[in-house]
Amino acid sequence: MTSDQNGKLGLIVTGVARSGTTALGKLLNAHAGVCLGIERYKFQFLRAHNYSADLFERERFFDFRAEDTNLIPDLRPAWKPTYDHIALKWGGARVIGDKVPDLMPVLRDFITQNPDFRYIVILRNLKDVGLSWQARADRPRDSWPKNKGFAEACESWDAQYRILHDIIRDRKLRKQVLLLDYDRMYEDVAETEAVLLGFLGLGRDPAFSEVLHEHAGFAATRGKRKIAPRFIEPYKAVEQGYAKGLRKVAREQARFWADRFASAGTETGTDA
């Protein structure tokens, strides 16, 4: 499936784990024109290195297999409503894709094989990512691995941001990728809405707007957290210059797509 077949646009959403990819997936799925799996093909992408666009044909998408993912609706009932909703709107959807974190090591190959897809990479600061990893690791009944705490988050964040930085330096690849700054996306909700809809060629949708405002309200209630002394050393060891450069690109892209969406008209959005 490409953007030229049946009017559908392929989309991949990623970011370092615990960067807000699931929340972004839920937001995008609120739009009537988007059908986004939630780690639908993470084993195919990360283990088998299978990035075939055929995975996003309808019959295959709803054929859940153990070699695809561990989030199979029949085994994880919490995800059944998500896929039931996707099934209902599939025919009229413009955007079909998947949300899988930690794709940076394979992202260049994915883009090369699927140059007609669009890619959204969410950026989030190292401190909050690391603290989120540690909170999951400390939770007694959490399925999150106990050996994936703050220090391991620093290593993963550093490695993935270096890879992403190299990808974004390639202007040909950059055209297909939208960097979305999690730490700024709720400061101007109207701009974020325009950026996402403009990038995906979608018009406004009341349900999408409602969920975006809900997420912004939740983000506003979060207090700032401090790094425990035992984590200061691994935190300071990470070179964060790459992230600053990526955030600069994210700001430039936000202005471009928001302006393009506005110039195309708020009711129809813009063609991707």
C-alpha atoms as a PDB file:
ATOM      1  CA  MET A   1       0.000   0.000   0.000  1.00  0.00           C
ATOM      2  CA  THR A   2       1.257   3.452  -0.890  1.00  0.00           C
ATOM      3  CA  SER A   3      -0.281   6.882  -1.020  1.00  0.00           C
ATOM      4  CA  ASP A   4      -1.057   6.189  -4.677  1.00  0.00           C
ATOM      5  CA  GLN A   5      -3.132   3.048  -4.110  1.00  0.00           C
ATOM      6  CA  ASN A   6      -6.822   3.508  -3.324  1.00  0.00           C
ATOM      7  CA  GLY A   7      -6.101   7.001  -2.010  1.00  0.00           C
ATOM      8  CA  LYS A   8      -4.536   5.614   1.182  1.00  0.00           C
ATOM      9  CA  LEU A   9      -1.458   7.066   2.847  1.00  0.00           C
ATOM     10  CA  GLY A  10       0.838   4.815   4.883  1.00  0.00           C
ATOM     11  CA  LEU A  11       1.894   6.157   8.290  1.00  0.00           C
ATOM     12  CA  ILE A  12       4.403   5.015  10.894  1.00  0.00           C
ATOM     13  CA  VAL A  13       4.520   6.632  14.347  1.00  0.00           C
ATOM     14  CA  THR A  14       7.533   6.057  16.563  1.00  0.00           C
ATOM     15  CA  GLY A  15       9.831   7.507  19.216  1.00  0.00           C
ATOM     16  CA  VAL A  16      11.904   6.248  22.116  1.00  0.00           C
ATOM     17  CA  ALA A  17       9.749   4.063  24.390  1.00  0.00           C
ATOM     18  CA  ARG A  18       7.859   6.098  27.012  1.00  0.00           C
ATOM     19  CA  SER A  19       7.923   9.238  24.871  1.00  0.00           C
ATOM     20  CA  GLY A  20       4.162   9.467  24.403  1.00  0.00           C
ATOM     21  CA  THR A  21       3.739   7.301  21.311  1.00  0.00           C
ATOM     22  CA  THR A  22       0.681   5.494  22.681  1.00  0.00           C
ATOM     23  CA  ALA A  23      -1.062   8.760  23.539  1.00  0.00           C
ATOM     24  CA  LEU A  24      -0.237  10.091  20.076  1.00  0.00           C
ATOM     25  CA  GLY A  25      -1.617   6.885  18.547  1.00  0.00           C
ATOM     26  CA  LYS A  26      -4.882   7.306  20.446  1.00  0.00           C
ATOM     27  CA  LEU A  27      -5.104  10.929  19.352  1.00  0.00           C
ATOM     28  CA  LEU A  28      -4.601  10.097  15.693  1.00  0.00           C
ATOM     29  CA  ASN A  29      -7.083   7.216  15.883  1.00  0.00           C
ATOM     30  CA  ALA A  30      -9.722   9.653  17.121  1.00  0.00           C
ATOM     31  CA  HIS A  31      -9.788  11.123  13.602  1.00  0.00           C
ATOM     32  CA  ALA A  32     -12.284   9.502  11.249  1.00  0.00           C
ATOM     33  CA  GLY A  33      -9.663   9.449   8.513  1.00  0.00           C
ATOM     34  CA  VAL A  34      -6.978   7.525  10.429  1.00  0.00           C
ATOM     35  CA  CYS A  35      -6.597   3.801  11.135  1.00  0.00           C
ATOM     36  CA  LEU A  36      -3.472   3.277  13.217  1.00  0.00           C
ATOM     37  CA  GLY A  37      -2.469  -0.033  14.744  1.00  0.00           C
ATOM     38  CA  ILE A  38      -0.989  -0.037  18.235  1.00  0.00           C
ATOM     39  CA  GLU A  39       2.231  -2.049  17.958  1.00  0.00           C
ATOM     40  CA  ARG A  40       0.364  -4.105  15.373  1.00  0.00           C
ATOM     41  CA  TYR A  41       3.538  -5.259  13.618  1.00  0.00           C
ATOM     42  CA  LYS A  42       6.308  -4.611  16.130  1.00  0.00           C
ATOM     43  CA  PHE A  43       7.769  -8.111  15.806  1.00  0.00           C
ATOM     44  CA  GLN A  44       7.674  -7.924  12.013  1.00  0.00           C
ATOM     45  CA  PHE A  45       9.505  -4.591  12.055  1.00  0.00           C
ATOM     46  CA  LEU A  46      12.011  -5.147  14.855  1.00  0.00           C
ATOM     47  CA  ARG A  47      12.656  -8.905  14.649  1.00  0.00           C
ATOM     48  CA  ALA A  48      11.939 -10.030  11.100  1.00  0.00           C
ATOM     49  CA  HIS A  49      12.847  -6.684   9.493  1.00  0.00           C
ATOM     50  CA  ASN A  50       9.766  -6.984   7.341  1.00  0.00           C
ATOM     51  CA  TYR A  51       8.547  -3.545   6.266  1.00  0.00           C
ATOM     52  CA  SER A  52       6.317  -4.626   3.404  1.00  0.00           C
ATOM     53  CA  ALA A  53       3.456  -2.305   2.543  1.00  0.00           C
ATOM     54  CA  ASP A  54       1.351  -5.439   2.022  1.00  0.00           C
ATOM     55  CA  LEU A  55       1.037  -5.684   5.807  1.00  0.00           C
ATOM     56  CA  PHE A  56      -1.380  -2.763   5.595  1.00  0.00           C
ATOM     57  CA  GLU A  57      -3.854  -4.370   3.263  1.00  0.00           C
ATOM     58  CA  ARG A  58      -7.163  -4.830   5.090  1.00  0.00           C
ATOM     59  CA  GLU A  59      -7.277  -8.636   5.108  1.00  0.00           C
ATOM     60  CA  ARG A  60      -3.727  -8.910   6.461  1.00  0.00           C
ATOM     61  CA  PHE A  61      -4.132  -6.094   8.980  1.00  0.00           C
ATOM     62  CA  PHE A  62      -6.941  -7.891  10.780  1.00  0.00           C
ATOM     63  CA  ASP A  63      -5.225 -11.287  10.588  1.00  0.00           C
ATOM     64  CA  PHE A  64      -3.448 -11.167  13.968  1.00  0.00           C
ATOM     65  CA  ARG A  65      -0.544 -13.590  14.308  1.00  0.00           C
ATOM     66  CA  ALA A  66       1.892 -14.394  17.118  1.00  0.00           C
ATOM     67  CA  GLU A  67       4.800 -13.450  14.860  1.00  0.00           C
ATOM     68  CA  ASP A  68       3.322  -9.939  14.471  1.00  0.00           C
ATOM     69  CA  THR A  69       2.744  -8.719  18.010  1.00  0.00           C
ATOM     70  CA  ASN A  70       1.902  -9.620  21.594  1.00  0.00           C
ATOM     71  CA  LEU A  71      -0.977  -7.114  21.606  1.00  0.00           C
ATOM     72  CA  ILE A  72      -3.509  -9.440  20.004  1.00  0.00           C
ATOM     73  CA  PRO A  73      -7.083  -8.326  20.777  1.00  0.00           C
ATOM     74  CA  ASP A  74      -8.311 -11.843  21.567  1.00  0.00           C
ATOM     75  CA  LEU A  75      -5.535 -12.157  24.164  1.00  0.00           C
ATOM     76  CA  ARG A  76      -5.501  -8.500  25.241  1.00  0.00           C
ATOM     77  CA  PRO A  77      -9.208  -7.505  25.332  1.00  0.00           C
ATOM     78  CA  ALA A  78      -8.352  -3.924  26.268  1.00  0.00           C
ATOM     79  CA  TRP A  79      -7.291  -3.358  22.643  1.00  0.00           C
ATOM     80  CA  LYS A  80     -10.398  -4.896  21.067  1.00  0.00           C
ATOM     81  CA  PRO A  81     -12.414  -1.624  21.005  1.00  0.00           C
ATOM     82  CA  THR A  82      -9.524   0.087  19.201  1.00  0.00           C
ATOM     83  CA  TYR A  83      -9.523  -2.458  16.394  1.00  0.00           C
ATOM     84  CA  ASP A  84     -13.320  -2.646  16.268  1.00  0.00           C
ATOM     85  CA  HIS A  85     -13.345   1.112  15.701  1.00  0.00           C
ATOM     86  CA  ILE A  86     -10.616   0.846  13.059  1.00  0.00           C
ATOM     87  CA  ALA A  87     -12.590  -1.848  11.227  1.00  0.00           C
ATOM     88  CA  LEU A  88     -15.677   0.363  11.067  1.00  0.00           C
ATOM     89  CA  LYS A  89     -13.912   3.351   9.515  1.00  0.00           C
ATOM     90  CA  TRP A  90     -11.339   1.522   7.349  1.00  0.00           C
ATOM     91  CA  GLY A  91     -13.172   2.003   4.057  1.00  0.00           C
ATOM     92  CA  GLY A  92     -13.343   5.772   4.381  1.00  0.00           C
ATOM     93  CA  ALA A  93      -9.945   6.288   5.998  1.00  0.00           C
ATOM     94  CA  ARG A  94      -7.195   8.167   4.187  1.00  0.00           C
ATOM     95  CA  VAL A  95      -4.348   7.154   6.535  1.00  0.00           C
ATOM     96  CA  ILE A  96      -3.463   3.538   7.435  1.00  0.00           C
ATOM     97  CA  GLY A  97      -0.490   2.640   9.612  1.00  0.00           C
ATOM     98  CA  ASP A  98       1.036   1.521  12.883  1.00  0.00           C
ATOM     99  CA  LYS A  99       2.511   2.901  16.080  1.00  0.00           C
ATOM    100  CA  VAL A 100       5.676   1.134  17.235  1.00  0.00           C
ATOM    101  CA  PRO A 101       8.268   2.673  19.596  1.00  0.00           C
ATOM    102  CA  ASP A 102      12.047   2.241  19.320  1.00  0.00           C
ATOM    103  CA  LEU A 103      12.112   1.970  15.512  1.00  0.00           C
ATOM    104  CA  MET A 104      15.102   4.267  15.020  1.00  0.00           C
ATOM    105  CA  PRO A 105      17.611   1.443  14.326  1.00  0.00           C
ATOM    106  CA  VAL A 106      15.498   0.278  11.358  1.00  0.00           C
ATOM    107  CA  LEU A 107      13.848   3.561  10.391  1.00  0.00           C
ATOM    108  CA  ARG A 108      16.198   4.396   7.513  1.00  0.00           C
ATOM    109  CA  ASP A 109      15.585   0.985   5.923  1.00  0.00           C
ATOM    110  CA  PHE A 110      11.839   1.364   6.492  1.00  0.00           C
ATOM    111  CA  ILE A 111      11.742   4.756   4.784  1.00  0.00           C
ATOM    112  CA  THR A 112      13.918   3.526   1.915  1.00  0.00           C
ATOM    113  CA  GLN A 113      11.554   0.604   1.276  1.00  0.00           C
ATOM    114  CA  ASN A 114       8.414   2.745   1.705  1.00  0.00           C
ATOM    115  CA  PRO A 115       9.243   6.232   0.380  1.00  0.00           C
ATOM    116  CA  ASP A 116       5.549   7.070  -0.103  1.00  0.00           C
ATOM    117  CA  PHE A 117       4.715   6.594   3.572  1.00  0.00           C
ATOM    118  CA  ARG A 118       4.732   9.413   6.116  1.00  0.00           C
ATOM    119  CA  TYR A 119       6.584   9.075   9.432  1.00  0.00           C
ATOM    120  CA  ILE A 120       5.964  10.895  12.721  1.00  0.00           C
ATOM    121  CA  VAL A 121       8.707  10.724  15.342  1.00  0.00           C
ATOM    122  CA  ILE A 122       7.825  12.114  18.745  1.00  0.00           C
ATOM    123  CA  LEU A 123      10.611  13.789  20.726  1.00  0.00           C
ATOM    124  CA  ARG A 124      10.663  13.880  24.510  1.00  0.00           C
ATOM    125  CA  ASN A 125      13.249  15.084  26.989  1.00  0.00           C
ATOM    126  CA  LEU A 126      15.652  12.550  28.489  1.00  0.00           C
ATOM    127  CA  LYS A 127      14.720  13.251  32.095  1.00  0.00           C
ATOM    128  CA  ASP A 128      11.052  12.371  31.724  1.00  0.00           C
ATOM    129  CA  VAL A 129      11.772   9.347  29.533  1.00  0.00           C
ATOM    130  CA  GLY A 130      14.288   8.031  32.060  1.00  0.00           C
ATOM    131  CA  LEU A 131      12.021   8.607  35.042  1.00  0.00           C
ATOM    132  CA  SER A 132       9.175   6.855  33.228  1.00  0.00           C
ATOM    133  CA  TRP A 133      11.368   3.824  32.519  1.00  0.00           C
ATOM    134  CA  GLN A 134      12.418   3.703  36.171  1.00  0.00           C
ATOM    135  CA  ALA A 135       8.832   4.042  37.429  1.00  0.00           C
ATOM    136  CA  ARG A 136       7.769   1.086  35.282  1.00  0.00           C
ATOM    137  CA  ALA A 137      10.777  -0.978  36.399  1.00  0.00           C
ATOM    138  CA  ASP A 138       9.988  -0.266  40.077  1.00  0.00           C
ATOM    139  CA  ARG A 139       6.314  -1.237  39.780  1.00  0.00           C
ATOM    140  CA  PRO A 140       5.888  -4.712  41.369  1.00  0.00           C
ATOM    141  CA  ARG A 141       3.288  -6.186  38.979  1.00  0.00           C
ATOM    142  CA  ASP A 142       4.341  -4.360  35.828  1.00  0.00           C
ATOM    143  CA  SER A 143       5.355  -6.428  32.793  1.00  0.00           C
ATOM    144  CA  TRP A 144       8.095  -3.896  32.075  1.00  0.00           C
ATOM    145  CA  PRO A 145      11.548  -5.553  32.483  1.00  0.00           C
ATOM    146  CA  LYS A 146      13.090  -4.828  35.871  1.00  0.00           C
ATOM    147  CA  ASN A 147      16.487  -4.270  34.272  1.00  0.00           C
ATOM    148  CA  LYS A 148      15.223  -1.394  32.107  1.00  0.00           C
ATOM    149  CA  GLY A 149      15.552   1.570  34.443  1.00  0.00           C
ATOM    150  CA  PHE A 150      16.874   5.110  34.234  1.00  0.00           C
ATOM    151  CA  ALA A 151      20.435   4.244  33.176  1.00  0.00           C
ATOM    152  CA  GLU A 152      19.207   1.941  30.415  1.00  0.00           C
ATOM    153  CA  ALA A 153      16.817   4.655  29.229  1.00  0.00           C
ATOM    154  CA  CYS A 154      19.770   7.025  28.896  1.00  0.00           C
ATOM    155  CA  GLU A 155      21.597   4.520  26.702  1.00  0.00           C
ATOM    156  CA  SER A 156      18.584   3.878  24.477  1.00  0.00           C
ATOM    157  CA  TRP A 157      17.648   7.565  24.186  1.00  0.00           C
ATOM    158  CA  ASP A 158      21.232   8.508  23.298  1.00  0.00           C
ATOM    159  CA  ALA A 159      21.618   5.791  20.665  1.00  0.00           C
ATOM    160  CA  GLN A 160      18.254   6.464  19.017  1.00  0.00           C
ATOM    161  CA  TYR A 161      18.652  10.248  18.917  1.00  0.00           C
ATOM    162  CA  ARG A 162      22.051   9.871  17.257  1.00  0.00           C
ATOM    163  CA  ILE A 163      20.512   7.649  14.584  1.00  0.00           C
ATOM    164  CA  LEU A 164      17.557  10.003  14.120  1.00  0.00           C
ATOM    165  CA  HIS A 165      19.907  12.967  13.828  1.00  0.00           C
ATOM    166  CA  ASP A 166      21.724  11.256  10.948  1.00  0.00           C
ATOM    167  CA  ILE A 167      18.427  10.405   9.231  1.00  0.00           C
ATOM    168  CA  ILE A 168      17.173  13.983   9.470  1.00  0.00           C
ATOM    169  CA  ARG A 169      20.425  15.303   8.021  1.00  0.00           C
ATOM    170  CA  ASP A 170      19.469  13.458   4.832  1.00  0.00           C
ATOM    171  CA  ARG A 171      17.146  15.984   3.194  1.00  0.00           C
ATOM    172  CA  LYS A 172      15.554  13.355   0.970  1.00  0.00           C
ATOM    173  CA  LEU A 173      14.518  11.295   3.993  1.00  0.00           C
ATOM    174  CA  ARG A 174      13.586  14.353   6.053  1.00  0.00           C
ATOM    175  CA  LYS A 175      10.761  15.252   3.662  1.00  0.00           C
ATOM    176  CA  GLN A 176       8.858  12.135   4.771  1.00  0.00           C
ATOM    177  CA  VAL A 177       9.407  12.634   8.507  1.00  0.00           C
ATOM    178  CA  LEU A 178       7.624  14.942  10.934  1.00  0.00           C
ATOM    179  CA  LEU A 179       9.396  15.557  14.229  1.00  0.00           C
ATOM    180  CA  LEU A 180       6.825  16.307  16.919  1.00  0.00           C
ATOM    181  CA  ASP A 181       8.125  17.871  20.127  1.00  0.00           C
ATOM    182  CA  TYR A 182       6.152  16.334  22.999  1.00  0.00           C
ATOM    183  CA  ASP A 183       7.446  18.955  25.419  1.00  0.00           C
ATOM    184  CA  ARG A 184       5.919  21.775  23.341  1.00  0.00           C
ATOM    185  CA  MET A 185       2.964  20.202  21.555  1.00  0.00           C
ATOM    186  CA  TYR A 186       0.391  21.202  24.180  1.00  0.00           C
ATOM    187  CA  GLU A 187       1.547  24.812  24.507  1.00  0.00           C
ATOM    188  CA  ASP A 188      -0.364  25.767  21.360  1.00  0.00           C
ATOM    189  CA  VAL A 189      -3.068  23.180  20.715  1.00  0.00           C
ATOM    190  CA  ALA A 190      -4.336  24.935  17.591  1.00  0.00           C
ATOM    191  CA  GLU A 191      -0.877  24.827  16.032  1.00  0.00           C
ATOM    192  CA  THR A 192      -0.382  21.146  16.901  1.00  0.00           C
ATOM    193  CA  GLU A 193      -3.737  20.313  15.340  1.00  0.00           C
ATOM    194  CA  ALA A 194      -2.813  22.176  12.162  1.00  0.00           C
ATOM    195  CA  VAL A 195       0.643  20.565  12.014  1.00  0.00           C
ATOM    196  CA  LEU A 196      -0.650  16.999  12.295  1.00  0.00           C
ATOM    197  CA  LEU A 197      -3.572  17.497   9.934  1.00  0.00           C
ATOM    198  CA  GLY A 198      -1.469  19.403   7.437  1.00  0.00           C
ATOM    199  CA  PHE A 199       1.262  16.754   7.417  1.00  0.00           C
ATOM    200  CA  LEU A 200      -1.277  13.962   6.862  1.00  0.00           C
ATOM    201  CA  GLY A 201      -3.465  15.844   4.401  1.00  0.00           C
ATOM    202  CA  LEU A 202      -6.548  15.643   6.602  1.00  0.00           C
ATOM    203  CA  GLY A 203      -9.355  18.057   7.351  1.00  0.00           C
ATOM    204  CA  ARG A 204     -10.642  19.001  10.765  1.00  0.00           C
ATOM    205  CA  ASP A 205     -12.471  16.426  12.861  1.00  0.00           C
ATOM    206  CA  PRO A 206     -14.401  17.257  16.065  1.00  0.00           C
ATOM    207  CA  ALA A 207     -13.431  13.998  17.802  1.00  0.00           C
ATOM    208  CA  PHE A 208      -9.754  14.569  17.032  1.00  0.00           C
ATOM    209  CA  SER A 209      -9.926  18.107  18.378  1.00  0.00           C
ATOM    210  CA  GLU A 210     -11.706  16.934  21.525  1.00  0.00           C
ATOM    211  CA  VAL A 211      -9.111  14.288  22.325  1.00  0.00           C
ATOM    212  CA  LEU A 212      -6.273  16.739  21.660  1.00  0.00           C
ATOM    213  CA  HIS A 213      -7.748  19.184  24.170  1.00  0.00           C
ATOM    214  CA  GLU A 214      -8.231  16.361  26.689  1.00  0.00           C
ATOM    215  CA  HIS A 215      -4.575  15.386  26.363  1.00  0.00           C
ATOM    216  CA  ALA A 216      -3.508  19.012  26.744  1.00  0.00           C
ATOM    217  CA  GLY A 217      -5.581  19.308  29.916  1.00  0.00           C
ATOM    218  CA  PHE A 218      -4.008  16.189  31.365  1.00  0.00           C
ATOM    219  CA  ALA A 219      -0.498  17.399  30.498  1.00  0.00           C
ATOM    220  CA  ALA A 220      -1.167  20.682  32.289  1.00  0.00           C
ATOM    221  CA  THR A 221      -1.826  18.859  35.574  1.00  0.00           C
ATOM    222  CA  ARG A 222       1.549  17.124  35.623  1.00  0.00           C
ATOM    223  CA  GLY A 223       4.085  18.459  38.067  1.00  0.00           C
ATOM    224  CA  LYS A 224       7.796  18.637  37.407  1.00  0.00           C
ATOM    225  CA  ARG A 225       9.888  15.751  38.682  1.00  0.00           C
ATOM    226  CA  LYS A 226      13.484  15.725  39.819  1.00  0.00           C
ATOM    227  CA  ILE A 227      16.208  13.253  38.997  1.00  0.00           C
ATOM    228  CA  ALA A 228      17.315  11.198  41.987  1.00  0.00           C
ATOM    229  CA  PRO A 229      21.005  11.670  42.897  1.00  0.00           C
ATOM    230  CA  ARG A 230      21.877   8.117  41.835  1.00  0.00           C
ATOM    231  CA  PHE A 231      20.791   8.900  38.274  1.00  0.00           C
ATOM    232  CA  ILE A 232      22.663  12.188  37.836  1.00  0.00           C
ATOM    233  CA  GLU A 233      25.829  10.571  36.488  1.00  0.00           C
ATOM    234  CA  PRO A 234      24.245   8.575  33.620  1.00  0.00           C
ATOM    235  CA  TYR A 235      22.048  11.569  32.800  1.00  0.00           C
ATOM    236  CA  LYS A 236      24.976  13.975  32.502  1.00  0.00           C
ATOM    237  CA  ALA A 237      26.954  11.443  30.449  1.00  0.00           C
ATOM    238  CA  VAL A 238      24.480  11.751  27.556  1.00  0.00           C
ATOM    239  CA  GLU A 239      25.336  14.192  24.780  1.00  0.00           C
ATOM    240  CA  GLN A 240      22.127  16.197  24.318  1.00  0.00           C
ATOM    241  CA  GLY A 241      23.283  18.384  21.470  1.00  0.00           C
ATOM    242  CA  TYR A 242      21.634  16.022  18.991  1.00  0.00           C
ATOM    243  CA  ALA A 243      18.275  16.553  20.675  1.00  0.00           C
ATOM    244  CA  LYS A 244      18.639  20.345  20.495  1.00  0.00           C
ATOM    245  CA  GLY A 245      19.222  20.123  16.767  1.00  0.00           C
ATOM    246  CA  LEU A 246      16.216  17.858  16.305  1.00  0.00           C
ATOM    247  CA  ARG A 247      13.995  20.202  18.300  1.00  0.00           C
ATOM    248  CA  LYS A 248      15.070  23.073  16.063  1.00  0.00           C
ATOM    249  CA  VAL A 249      14.005  21.056  13.016  1.00  0.00           C
ATOM    250  CA  ALA A 250      10.704  20.243  14.783  1.00  0.00           C
ATOM    251  CA  ARG A 251       9.996  23.960  15.241  1.00  0.00           C
ATOM    252  CA  GLU A 252      10.763  24.676  11.591  1.00  0.00           C
ATOM    253  CA  GLN A 253       8.517  21.835  10.452  1.00  0.00           C
ATOM    254  CA  ALA A 254       5.713  22.968  12.752  1.00  0.00           C
ATOM    255  CA  ARG A 255       5.712  26.434  11.195  1.00  0.00           C
ATOM    256  CA  PHE A 256       5.772  24.984   7.681  1.00  0.00           C
ATOM    257  CA  TRP A 257       2.912  22.522   8.125  1.00  0.00           C
ATOM    258  CA  ALA A 258       0.748  24.887  10.185  1.00  0.00           C
ATOM    259  CA  ASP A 259       1.117  27.586   7.525  1.00  0.00           C
ATOM    260  CA  ARG A 260       0.416  25.123   4.731  1.00  0.00           C
ATOM    261  CA  PHE A 261      -2.688  23.832   6.479  1.00  0.00           C
ATOM    262  CA  ALA A 262      -3.956  27.378   6.985  1.00  0.00           C
ATOM    263  CA  SER A 263      -3.310  28.347   3.380  1.00  0.00           C
ATOM    264  CA  ALA A 264      -5.158  25.275   2.114  1.00  0.00           C
ATOM    265  CA  GLY A 265      -8.257  26.055   4.161  1.00  0.00           C
ATOM    266  CA  THR A 266      -9.158  24.683   7.599  1.00  0.00           C
ATOM    267  CA  GLU A 267     -12.056  22.603   6.373  1.00  0.00           C
ATOM    268  CA  THR A 268     -10.205  20.528   3.796  1.00  0.00           C
ATOM    269  CA  GLY A 269      -6.622  20.534   5.050  1.00  0.00           C
ATOM    270  CA  THR A 270      -3.936  19.945   2.423  1.00  0.00           C
ATOM    271  CA  ASP A 271      -2.981  17.105   0.165  1.00  0.00           C
ATOM    272  CA  ALA A 272       0.033  15.169   1.444  1.00  0.00           C
END
